[in-house]
């Protein structure tokens, strides 16, 4: 058996994992009063990861996840392509990211990264200096997963709390709990266990990475897509505001099982009349939105089981390929 360690590219975009607080009990206000670490600083805090892999640190724009914008997705996707092409014998990629928008970035990269190299995205719920921080464990688990043959072909993964989740389906479910990332409909892919074993129990069956039509090398800007929530008494004011702002698509976070609030319909029809794509997702947190005949007749897209924030990601990419509603619906059915 070879004792060669895998070679892992380590990309840092920021987030809680890249902070130290004022002291070990500062696990909440570290972003206001703490210190931000660069990628090398993180590795120096957790030298154990060097026992699992040869790590190549690569700094990307350091930002909290609340500051992530679609241009960052494009830049990160292109950086991954550069890493894949310019670094010899890279076995995997690990990306640090703030947890607030991690699932959106992960899904975007899952749809656009043209590489067969395993990509694992991680964050932390507690800063690297915090009492009982999850930062070191998440980092070591991700390094092991990215370098494992078991993760080949899984697309982009999200790994926290020793649980490996698929980028398409995972979502953040809690503000503070360590087990915040869950896959409500389908469950996790597997575990990164303390003995170093990467145990995979299911595989995603939706196309990703090399098997999608989306390629960021030819995209300089993503179209504006906005999300509007439905709730009791919601009207069309927000929808009309986004129409005026130049939205090319609007995702409605509908009432379960896929219905907007009735007072929103007039504004939805106005958007459709202006050839703005309308997508129905749901605020329910799980389950598919089915495409009723009235939606087909109106040209409204059903988001399948994508939550609103991920439906927005796919709508953005779909609009770089087509404005035809049936073509875009096919993308939602496929991806």
Protein backbone atom coordinates (compact mmCIF):
# COMPACT_ATOMS: atom_id res chain seq x y z
CA UNK A 1 0.00 0.00 0.00
CA UNK A 2 1.27 3.47 -0.89
CA UNK A 3 2.02 5.83 1.99
CA UNK A 4 1.86 8.89 -0.24
CA UNK A 5 -0.41 11.53 1.16
CA UNK A 6 -3.04 13.12 -1.11
CA UNK A 7 -2.38 16.63 -2.38
CA UNK A 8 -5.20 19.00 -1.43
CA UNK A 9 -5.73 22.58 -2.59
CA UNK A 10 -7.07 24.64 0.32
CA UNK A 11 -9.05 27.72 -0.75
CA UNK A 12 -10.11 30.25 1.86
CA UNK A 13 -13.04 32.60 1.34
CA UNK A 14 -13.59 33.58 4.97
CA UNK A 15 -16.40 32.89 7.40
CA UNK A 16 -16.48 31.94 11.08
CA UNK A 17 -13.74 29.36 10.61
CA UNK A 18 -11.36 32.20 9.70
CA UNK A 19 -11.91 34.17 12.92
CA UNK A 20 -10.48 34.16 16.41
CA UNK A 21 -12.41 35.81 19.20
CA UNK A 22 -11.29 37.96 22.11
CA UNK A 23 -10.99 34.83 24.25
CA UNK A 24 -12.10 31.21 24.22
CA UNK A 25 -15.60 32.09 25.42
CA UNK A 26 -16.17 34.57 22.60
CA UNK A 27 -18.18 32.36 20.26
CA UNK A 28 -20.72 34.99 19.26
CA UNK A 29 -19.26 38.50 18.86
CA UNK A 30 -15.96 37.47 17.27
CA UNK A 31 -16.90 39.09 13.93
CA UNK A 32 -17.26 42.46 15.66
CA UNK A 33 -14.27 42.33 17.98
CA UNK A 34 -12.09 39.40 16.91
CA UNK A 35 -9.29 38.87 14.40
CA UNK A 36 -9.59 37.49 10.87
CA UNK A 37 -7.16 34.75 9.84
CA UNK A 38 -5.77 34.11 6.39
CA UNK A 39 -5.56 30.60 5.00
CA UNK A 40 -2.02 30.00 6.31
CA UNK A 41 -3.04 31.17 9.78
CA UNK A 42 -5.84 28.60 9.82
CA UNK A 43 -3.43 25.82 8.89
CA UNK A 44 -1.02 26.95 11.60
CA UNK A 45 -3.78 26.70 14.20
CA UNK A 46 -4.56 23.13 13.17
CA UNK A 47 -1.23 21.54 12.15
CA UNK A 48 -2.73 18.05 12.46
CA UNK A 49 -4.22 18.37 8.98
CA UNK A 50 -0.71 18.16 7.52
CA UNK A 51 -0.59 14.56 8.72
CA UNK A 52 -3.56 13.73 6.50
CA UNK A 53 -2.49 15.49 3.29
CA UNK A 54 -0.01 17.76 1.56
CA UNK A 55 -1.95 21.01 1.65
CA UNK A 56 -1.53 23.80 -0.91
CA UNK A 57 -2.97 27.04 0.58
CA UNK A 58 -4.64 29.44 -1.86
CA UNK A 59 -6.16 32.71 -0.65
CA UNK A 60 -9.38 33.88 -2.27
CA UNK A 61 -11.36 37.01 -1.31
CA UNK A 62 -11.86 36.89 2.46
CA UNK A 63 -15.41 37.89 3.35
CA UNK A 64 -18.15 36.98 5.79
CA UNK A 65 -20.87 34.90 4.18
CA UNK A 66 -23.33 37.78 4.53
CA UNK A 67 -21.05 39.70 2.17
CA UNK A 68 -20.97 37.04 -0.57
CA UNK A 69 -22.41 38.24 -3.90
CA UNK A 70 -22.93 36.43 -7.23
CA UNK A 71 -19.69 37.90 -8.59
CA UNK A 72 -17.90 35.94 -5.85
CA UNK A 73 -19.48 32.74 -7.14
CA UNK A 74 -18.17 33.44 -10.62
CA UNK A 75 -14.70 34.27 -9.31
CA UNK A 76 -14.56 31.15 -7.13
CA UNK A 77 -15.71 28.89 -9.96
CA UNK A 78 -13.02 30.33 -12.23
CA UNK A 79 -10.39 29.97 -9.50
CA UNK A 80 -11.26 26.29 -9.17
CA UNK A 81 -10.68 25.88 -12.91
CA UNK A 82 -7.31 27.61 -12.61
CA UNK A 83 -6.30 25.39 -9.69
CA UNK A 84 -7.33 22.28 -11.59
CA UNK A 85 -5.35 23.31 -14.66
CA UNK A 86 -2.25 24.91 -13.12
CA UNK A 87 -1.46 22.67 -10.15
CA UNK A 88 -0.14 19.20 -10.92
CA UNK A 89 -1.58 16.14 -9.23
CA UNK A 90 -4.18 17.86 -7.08
CA UNK A 91 -6.35 15.12 -5.59
CA UNK A 92 -9.04 17.29 -4.04
CA UNK A 93 -10.12 20.81 -3.14
CA UNK A 94 -11.30 22.09 0.24
CA UNK A 95 -12.99 25.50 0.44
CA UNK A 96 -13.71 27.41 3.64
CA UNK A 97 -16.85 29.54 3.62
CA UNK A 98 -19.18 31.26 6.04
CA UNK A 99 -22.16 29.09 6.88
CA UNK A 100 -24.92 31.67 6.24
CA UNK A 101 -24.72 31.40 2.44
CA UNK A 102 -22.57 28.29 2.13
CA UNK A 103 -25.36 26.21 0.60
CA UNK A 104 -25.89 28.71 -2.22
CA UNK A 105 -22.21 28.89 -3.12
CA UNK A 106 -21.91 25.11 -2.92
CA UNK A 107 -24.82 24.59 -5.33
CA UNK A 108 -23.44 27.17 -7.77
CA UNK A 109 -20.04 25.45 -7.78
CA UNK A 110 -21.76 22.07 -8.08
CA UNK A 111 -23.37 23.30 -11.31
CA UNK A 112 -20.34 25.04 -12.80
CA UNK A 113 -17.04 23.48 -11.72
CA UNK A 114 -15.61 21.66 -14.73
CA UNK A 115 -13.46 19.20 -12.84
CA UNK A 116 -13.60 15.61 -11.67
CA UNK A 117 -11.63 16.48 -8.53
CA UNK A 118 -13.66 16.11 -5.32
CA UNK A 119 -14.63 19.49 -3.87
CA UNK A 120 -15.53 19.77 -0.19
CA UNK A 121 -16.89 22.99 1.28
CA UNK A 122 -16.66 23.59 5.00
CA UNK A 123 -17.45 26.20 7.59
CA UNK A 124 -17.70 26.36 11.34
CA UNK A 125 -20.37 27.32 13.83
CA UNK A 126 -17.76 28.50 16.33
CA UNK A 127 -14.58 30.49 15.65
CA UNK A 128 -11.23 28.77 15.54
CA UNK A 129 -10.34 30.07 19.00
CA UNK A 130 -13.66 29.20 20.60
CA UNK A 131 -14.22 26.78 23.45
CA UNK A 132 -15.18 23.40 21.91
CA UNK A 133 -14.80 24.84 18.40
CA UNK A 134 -15.82 22.65 15.49
CA UNK A 135 -13.33 24.35 13.16
CA UNK A 136 -10.45 21.90 13.49
CA UNK A 137 -12.60 18.79 13.29
CA UNK A 138 -14.42 20.11 10.22
CA UNK A 139 -11.15 21.00 8.52
CA UNK A 140 -9.52 17.63 9.17
CA UNK A 141 -12.65 15.76 8.06
CA UNK A 142 -12.81 17.79 4.86
CA UNK A 143 -9.13 17.21 4.05
CA UNK A 144 -9.65 13.47 4.49
CA UNK A 145 -12.83 13.45 2.41
CA UNK A 146 -11.34 15.48 -0.44
CA UNK A 147 -8.40 13.10 -0.65
CA UNK A 148 -10.47 9.92 -0.52
CA UNK A 149 -11.31 7.77 -3.52
CA UNK A 150 -14.71 7.22 -1.89
CA UNK A 151 -15.82 10.76 -2.76
CA UNK A 152 -15.02 10.55 -6.47
CA UNK A 153 -18.04 11.47 -8.59
CA UNK A 154 -20.11 12.93 -5.76
CA UNK A 155 -19.94 16.52 -7.00
CA UNK A 156 -19.54 19.31 -4.50
CA UNK A 157 -19.98 18.24 -0.89
CA UNK A 158 -20.64 20.18 2.30
CA UNK A 159 -19.00 18.73 5.40
CA UNK A 160 -19.58 19.84 8.97
CA UNK A 161 -20.03 17.84 12.16
CA UNK A 162 -18.48 14.77 10.44
CA UNK A 163 -21.51 14.57 8.12
CA UNK A 164 -21.07 14.65 4.34
CA UNK A 165 -23.96 16.29 2.48
CA UNK A 166 -24.72 16.85 -1.20
CA UNK A 167 -24.46 20.49 -2.32
CA UNK A 168 -27.76 20.38 -4.19
CA UNK A 169 -29.83 19.26 -1.24
CA UNK A 170 -28.18 20.45 1.96
CA UNK A 171 -29.48 23.46 3.88
CA UNK A 172 -28.66 25.30 7.08
CA UNK A 173 -31.38 24.52 9.62
CA UNK A 174 -30.23 26.17 12.85
CA UNK A 175 -28.62 29.46 13.79
CA UNK A 176 -26.20 28.04 16.36
CA UNK A 177 -26.25 24.24 16.59
CA UNK A 178 -23.22 22.30 15.35
CA UNK A 179 -25.47 19.91 13.41
CA UNK A 180 -27.05 22.82 11.52
CA UNK A 181 -26.48 21.42 8.01
CA UNK A 182 -29.08 18.83 7.10
CA UNK A 183 -30.65 17.29 4.00
CA UNK A 184 -34.37 17.23 4.87
CA UNK A 185 -35.74 15.14 2.01
CA UNK A 186 -33.01 12.61 1.35
CA UNK A 187 -30.47 12.52 4.15
CA UNK A 188 -26.70 12.80 4.16
CA UNK A 189 -24.31 11.05 1.78
CA UNK A 190 -22.19 9.59 4.54
CA UNK A 191 -19.75 10.22 7.37
CA UNK A 192 -16.16 11.31 7.89
CA UNK A 193 -15.45 9.24 10.97
CA UNK A 194 -12.73 9.80 13.61
CA UNK A 195 -10.77 6.74 12.45
CA UNK A 196 -10.19 8.49 9.12
CA UNK A 197 -12.65 6.35 7.19
CA UNK A 198 -14.91 8.08 4.67
CA UNK A 199 -18.12 6.05 4.67
CA UNK A 200 -20.49 6.80 1.78
CA UNK A 201 -24.00 5.31 1.79
CA UNK A 202 -25.73 7.04 -1.12
CA UNK A 203 -24.75 8.99 -4.23
CA UNK A 204 -26.44 12.01 -5.89
CA UNK A 205 -28.17 11.15 -9.17
CA UNK A 206 -28.63 14.67 -10.57
CA UNK A 207 -25.99 15.86 -13.09
CA UNK A 208 -23.25 18.07 -11.65
CA UNK A 209 -19.82 19.56 -12.39
CA UNK A 210 -18.59 18.07 -15.69
CA UNK A 211 -22.06 16.88 -16.68
CA UNK A 212 -23.90 20.22 -16.71
CA UNK A 213 -24.25 22.74 -19.55
CA UNK A 214 -23.12 25.66 -17.39
CA UNK A 215 -19.58 26.99 -17.85
CA UNK A 216 -18.47 30.18 -16.09
CA UNK A 217 -15.54 30.72 -18.47
CA UNK A 218 -17.96 32.46 -20.83
CA UNK A 219 -20.03 34.29 -18.16
CA UNK A 220 -18.98 37.76 -17.02
CA UNK A 221 -22.13 38.68 -15.13
CA UNK A 222 -25.15 36.85 -13.75
CA UNK A 223 -28.69 38.17 -14.32
CA UNK A 224 -30.62 39.66 -11.44
CA UNK A 225 -32.96 37.15 -9.79
CA UNK A 226 -34.89 37.99 -6.63
CA UNK A 227 -36.85 36.03 -4.01
CA UNK A 228 -40.27 37.08 -2.71
CA UNK A 229 -41.87 35.34 0.29
CA UNK A 230 -45.52 34.38 0.49
CA UNK A 231 -47.36 34.76 3.80
CA UNK A 232 -50.88 35.47 4.98
CA UNK A 233 -51.90 38.77 3.43
CA UNK A 234 -48.83 39.18 1.22
CA UNK A 235 -49.51 41.53 -1.68
CA UNK A 236 -47.68 42.37 -4.89
CA UNK A 237 -45.68 45.39 -3.75
CA UNK A 238 -42.38 43.50 -3.41
CA UNK A 239 -42.86 41.78 -6.77
CA UNK A 240 -43.56 45.11 -8.47
CA UNK A 241 -40.47 46.61 -6.83
CA UNK A 242 -38.29 43.84 -8.21
CA UNK A 243 -39.85 44.27 -11.64
CA UNK A 244 -38.90 47.95 -11.49
CA UNK A 245 -35.39 47.03 -10.29
CA UNK A 246 -34.81 44.99 -13.44
CA UNK A 247 -35.22 41.43 -12.21
CA UNK A 248 -34.97 38.87 -15.01
CA UNK A 249 -36.59 36.22 -12.83
CA UNK A 250 -38.47 36.16 -9.54
CA UNK A 251 -38.58 33.15 -7.24
CA UNK A 252 -41.73 32.98 -5.12
CA UNK A 253 -41.20 31.28 -1.77
CA UNK A 254 -44.74 29.97 -1.83
CA UNK A 255 -47.00 28.66 0.86
CA UNK A 256 -46.87 24.86 1.00
CA UNK A 257 -47.59 22.93 -1.19
CA UNK A 258 -46.76 25.54 -3.82
CA UNK A 259 -49.28 28.38 -3.76
CA UNK A 260 -48.56 32.12 -3.57
CA UNK A 261 -50.78 34.32 -1.43
CA UNK A 262 -53.82 35.26 -3.52
CA UNK A 263 -53.13 39.04 -3.41
CA UNK A 264 -49.75 38.37 -5.06
CA UNK A 265 -51.25 36.97 -8.25
CA UNK A 266 -51.91 40.29 -9.97
CA UNK A 267 -48.24 41.26 -9.67
CA UNK A 268 -47.11 37.77 -10.70
CA UNK A 269 -49.19 38.07 -13.86
CA UNK A 270 -47.68 41.50 -14.48
CA UNK A 271 -44.20 39.96 -14.26
CA UNK A 272 -45.17 37.22 -16.70
CA UNK A 273 -46.58 39.82 -19.12
CA UNK A 274 -43.16 41.51 -19.08
CA UNK A 275 -41.48 38.17 -19.92
CA UNK A 276 -39.93 37.89 -16.47
CA UNK A 277 -39.40 34.27 -15.47
CA UNK A 278 -41.43 33.26 -12.40
CA UNK A 279 -40.38 30.24 -10.34
CA UNK A 280 -42.44 28.65 -7.59
CA UNK A 281 -40.40 27.19 -4.73
CA UNK A 282 -41.77 26.79 -1.20
CA UNK A 283 -41.09 28.04 2.29
CA UNK A 284 -41.92 24.59 3.69
CA UNK A 285 -38.31 23.45 3.97
CA UNK A 286 -38.78 20.16 2.16
CA UNK A 287 -40.85 18.52 -0.54
CA UNK A 288 -41.38 19.09 -4.25
CA UNK A 289 -43.40 21.85 -5.83
CA UNK A 290 -45.55 20.16 -8.46
CA UNK A 291 -46.29 21.91 -11.75
CA UNK A 292 -50.05 22.23 -11.95
CA UNK A 293 -51.81 22.76 -15.28
CA UNK A 294 -52.47 26.40 -14.42
CA UNK A 295 -48.73 26.91 -13.97
CA UNK A 296 -48.01 25.26 -17.31
CA UNK A 297 -50.61 27.47 -19.01
CA UNK A 298 -49.11 30.61 -17.45
CA UNK A 299 -45.49 29.63 -18.08
CA UNK A 300 -44.58 29.40 -14.39
CA UNK A 301 -41.60 27.23 -13.46
CA UNK A 302 -41.79 24.60 -10.69
CA UNK A 303 -38.59 24.37 -8.63
CA UNK A 304 -38.89 20.65 -7.86
CA UNK A 305 -37.47 20.27 -4.32
CA UNK A 306 -34.99 23.15 -4.52
CA UNK A 307 -35.44 25.65 -1.72
CA UNK A 308 -35.92 29.31 -2.74
CA UNK A 309 -32.27 30.29 -2.41
CA UNK A 310 -31.11 27.39 -4.56
CA UNK A 311 -33.91 27.92 -7.07
CA UNK A 312 -32.52 31.44 -7.45
CA UNK A 313 -29.04 30.06 -8.19
CA UNK A 314 -30.33 27.73 -10.89
CA UNK A 315 -32.55 30.43 -12.39
CA UNK A 316 -29.53 32.72 -12.72
CA UNK A 317 -27.55 30.08 -14.55
CA UNK A 318 -30.51 28.96 -16.64
CA UNK A 319 -30.99 32.51 -17.91
CA UNK A 320 -27.43 32.52 -19.25
CA UNK A 321 -28.57 29.75 -21.60
CA UNK A 322 -32.18 30.57 -22.47
CA UNK A 323 -35.22 32.70 -21.68
CA UNK A 324 -37.64 30.05 -22.94
CA UNK A 325 -39.81 28.83 -20.06
CA UNK A 326 -39.89 25.20 -21.18
CA UNK A 327 -36.11 25.09 -21.58
CA UNK A 328 -35.72 26.56 -18.12
CA UNK A 329 -38.28 24.10 -16.70
CA UNK A 330 -36.21 21.30 -18.21
CA UNK A 331 -33.16 22.63 -16.36
CA UNK A 332 -35.11 22.52 -13.09
CA UNK A 333 -36.31 18.99 -13.84
CA UNK A 334 -32.75 17.89 -14.64
CA UNK A 335 -30.57 19.70 -12.12
